[in-house]
Protein backbone atom coordinates (compact mmCIF):
# COMPACT_ATOMS: atom_id res chain seq x y z
CA MET A 1 -54.95 -48.72 -211.80
CA PRO A 2 -51.96 -46.83 -211.47
CA THR A 3 -49.72 -45.87 -208.33
CA PRO A 4 -49.13 -42.56 -207.20
CA ASP A 5 -45.36 -43.08 -208.10
CA TRP A 6 -46.49 -44.90 -212.14
CA ARG A 7 -48.32 -41.44 -212.50
CA GLU A 8 -45.36 -39.20 -211.14
CA GLU A 9 -43.22 -40.90 -212.85
CA LYS A 10 -45.00 -40.72 -216.12
CA ALA A 11 -45.81 -37.45 -215.89
CA LYS A 12 -42.29 -35.81 -215.72
CA LEU A 13 -41.36 -37.47 -218.39
CA VAL A 14 -43.67 -35.56 -219.90
CA ILE A 15 -42.81 -32.32 -218.12
CA GLN A 16 -39.18 -32.76 -218.92
CA SER A 17 -40.33 -34.29 -222.96
CA ILE A 18 -42.46 -31.20 -223.41
CA CYS A 19 -39.74 -28.56 -221.76
CA ARG A 20 -37.04 -30.24 -224.13
CA ILE A 21 -39.31 -29.26 -226.59
CA LEU A 22 -39.75 -25.29 -225.79
CA THR A 23 -35.49 -24.59 -225.38
CA LEU A 24 -35.58 -25.64 -229.18
CA PRO A 25 -35.26 -22.14 -230.78
CA ASN A 26 -37.71 -20.87 -233.52
CA ILE A 27 -40.85 -22.73 -232.39
CA PRO A 28 -44.05 -21.26 -233.95
CA GLN A 29 -46.02 -19.74 -231.51
CA PRO A 30 -49.20 -21.51 -231.80
CA VAL A 31 -47.09 -24.81 -231.26
CA ARG A 32 -45.38 -23.20 -228.02
CA GLU A 33 -49.74 -22.50 -227.22
CA GLU A 34 -50.82 -25.49 -227.84
CA LEU A 35 -47.78 -27.20 -225.73
CA GLY A 36 -49.03 -25.20 -222.34
CA GLY A 37 -52.03 -24.60 -222.62
CA GLN A 38 -52.45 -28.21 -222.98
CA ALA A 39 -50.19 -30.64 -222.67
CA LEU A 40 -48.03 -28.23 -220.10
CA TRP A 41 -51.17 -27.70 -217.86
CA ASN A 42 -52.21 -31.27 -218.10
CA ALA A 43 -48.99 -32.89 -217.28
CA LEU A 44 -48.00 -30.31 -214.38
CA LYS A 45 -51.78 -31.36 -212.89
CA LEU A 46 -51.48 -34.35 -213.44
CA PHE A 47 -47.88 -34.44 -211.69
CA SER A 48 -49.27 -33.19 -208.83
CA ASN A 49 -51.85 -35.20 -207.86
CA ALA A 50 -50.24 -38.42 -207.46
CA LEU A 51 -47.27 -36.02 -205.71
CA GLU A 52 -50.09 -35.07 -203.30
CA GLU A 53 -51.27 -38.69 -203.28
CA ARG A 54 -48.16 -40.25 -202.42
CA LEU A 55 -47.37 -37.60 -199.87
CA GLY A 56 -50.41 -37.04 -197.90
CA GLY A 57 -50.99 -33.94 -196.22
CA ASN A 58 -53.15 -30.94 -196.99
CA GLU A 59 -50.98 -28.80 -199.67
CA THR A 60 -51.16 -28.48 -202.83
CA LYS A 61 -48.54 -28.74 -204.82
CA TRP A 62 -49.92 -27.20 -207.75
CA SER A 63 -50.95 -23.46 -208.83
CA PRO A 64 -51.69 -22.42 -212.32
CA ALA A 65 -48.76 -20.31 -212.36
CA LEU A 66 -46.58 -23.07 -212.90
CA VAL A 67 -47.91 -24.13 -216.35
CA GLN A 68 -46.25 -20.41 -217.20
CA LEU A 69 -42.95 -20.93 -215.05
CA PHE A 70 -42.45 -24.72 -217.21
CA MET A 71 -43.15 -22.49 -220.33
CA ASN A 72 -41.41 -19.02 -219.52
CA LYS A 73 -38.30 -21.15 -218.21
CA PRO A 74 -38.06 -24.53 -219.57
CA GLY A 75 -34.25 -24.95 -218.79
CA GLN A 76 -35.03 -25.00 -214.99
CA CYS A 77 -37.53 -27.88 -215.11
CA ASP A 78 -35.81 -30.34 -213.07
CA GLN A 79 -35.16 -28.19 -210.45
CA TRP A 80 -38.70 -26.79 -210.31
CA LEU A 81 -39.71 -30.55 -210.34
CA GLU A 82 -37.15 -31.58 -207.89
CA LEU A 83 -38.97 -28.35 -205.96
CA MET A 84 -41.68 -30.02 -206.33
CA VAL A 85 -41.15 -33.13 -204.72
CA GLU A 86 -40.16 -31.54 -201.69
CA PRO A 87 -42.76 -33.23 -198.86
CA GLU A 88 -42.62 -29.25 -197.70
CA PHE A 89 -43.32 -27.66 -200.92
CA SER A 90 -46.72 -25.96 -201.67
CA ALA A 91 -47.57 -23.63 -204.36
CA GLY A 92 -49.65 -21.70 -202.41
CA ASP A 93 -47.43 -20.69 -200.22
CA TYR A 94 -44.18 -20.34 -202.85
CA TRP A 95 -46.13 -18.55 -205.25
CA LYS A 96 -46.64 -16.06 -201.84
CA ARG A 97 -42.95 -15.72 -200.82
CA ASP A 98 -42.15 -15.26 -205.05
CA GLY A 99 -44.83 -12.49 -205.53
CA GLU A 100 -43.36 -10.84 -202.17
């Protein structure tokens, strides 16, 4: 069975690839929706789960809001991935602060 580090690395590569595609001009809306609704959602969920397993703790790294964030500003993908890797990052706390 793949290790959390391996799953984290592979999911990150998929997320980065999707983000690069989303930065391209003139992507048809159905393609954009498929990338976000399926591929990005699943890759972010897998990435979050791998992080949680590797880092331990009770805080969740996952939020469905991540998908919209990455879709709306795919150019900041690497920045958000780095933020998520921080041990103190909690999706719940982050989204509460972001909404204030």
